[in-house]
Protein backbone atom coordinates (compact mmCIF):
# COMPACT_ATOMS: atom_id res chain seq x y z
CA MET A 1 95.38 92.54 98.54
CA LYS A 2 93.18 89.65 97.16
CA ASN A 3 91.18 87.60 99.71
CA SER A 4 93.14 84.09 98.59
CA GLU A 5 96.27 86.29 100.46
CA ILE A 6 94.63 87.24 103.06
CA LYS A 7 93.33 83.68 104.15
CA GLY A 8 96.90 82.56 103.99
CA LEU A 9 97.76 84.84 106.34
CA SER A 10 98.42 83.42 109.93
CA LEU A 11 96.34 85.27 112.85
CA ASP A 12 99.52 87.49 114.38
CA GLU A 13 100.36 88.41 110.33
CA LEU A 14 96.71 89.72 109.92
CA LYS A 15 96.83 91.71 112.99
CA SER A 16 99.59 93.49 112.04
CA LYS A 17 98.82 93.96 108.66
CA LEU A 18 95.45 95.12 109.94
CA VAL A 19 97.32 97.78 112.44
CA ALA A 20 99.41 99.26 109.47
CA GLU A 21 96.46 99.54 106.76
CA LYS A 22 94.39 100.99 109.98
CA GLU A 23 97.48 103.82 109.84
CA ASN A 24 97.63 104.11 106.20
CA CYS A 25 93.71 104.66 106.51
CA ALA A 26 93.90 107.42 108.92
CA LYS A 27 96.99 109.19 106.74
CA LEU A 28 94.84 109.23 103.76
CA LYS A 29 91.80 110.35 105.53
CA PHE A 30 94.18 113.15 106.80
CA ALA A 31 95.70 114.23 103.38
CA HIS A 32 92.14 114.30 101.71
CA ALA A 33 90.85 116.62 104.24
CA ILE A 34 94.26 119.31 103.93
CA THR A 35 93.93 119.06 100.25
CA PRO A 36 91.86 116.55 98.13
CA ILE A 37 94.35 113.41 96.76
CA GLU A 38 94.40 112.43 93.51
CA ASN A 39 92.19 109.56 93.41
CA PRO A 40 89.97 109.69 96.04
CA MET A 41 88.71 105.57 95.39
CA ARG A 42 91.93 105.06 97.47
CA LEU A 43 90.03 105.85 100.67
CA ARG A 44 87.12 103.24 99.88
CA GLU A 45 89.64 100.59 98.81
CA ALA A 46 91.61 101.19 102.39
CA LYS A 47 88.62 100.73 104.21
CA LYS A 48 87.02 97.76 102.59
CA LEU A 49 90.92 96.29 102.99
CA VAL A 50 90.55 97.06 106.85
CA ALA A 51 87.10 95.67 106.97
CA ARG A 52 88.34 92.10 104.75
CA LEU A 53 91.06 91.86 107.45
CA SER A 54 88.98 92.05 110.29
CA THR A 55 86.60 89.61 109.17
CA GLU A 56 89.04 86.93 108.28
CA ILE A 57 90.71 87.71 112.01
CA ARG A 58 87.21 87.14 113.36
CA ALA A 59 86.86 84.12 111.37
CA LYS A 60 89.98 82.83 112.28
CA GLN A 61 89.23 83.68 116.19
CA ILE A 62 85.92 81.36 115.71
CA ALA A 63 87.34 78.53 114.27
CA GLN A 64 90.13 78.37 116.70
CA GLN A 65 87.53 78.06 119.78
C-alpha cells in the first residue's frame, strides 16, 4: 500500500486497517518461527506498513486538535 493511498483513508478506515495488518504481521512471524517462509522480506514490509499506518493515524489525530 502506497503512502498516497494511506493518506486518502479516513481515521476509522486507518484504525481497522492497522488492526488487520498487525494480525497479519503476527501470523507471518509465527509462520516464520515454525518453518522459514519463502520470502522473509515480507516480514519487514509488514512491519513497515504497520508503522506507516500508525504514523498517519497519529498525524490525523494531531490535525484534528
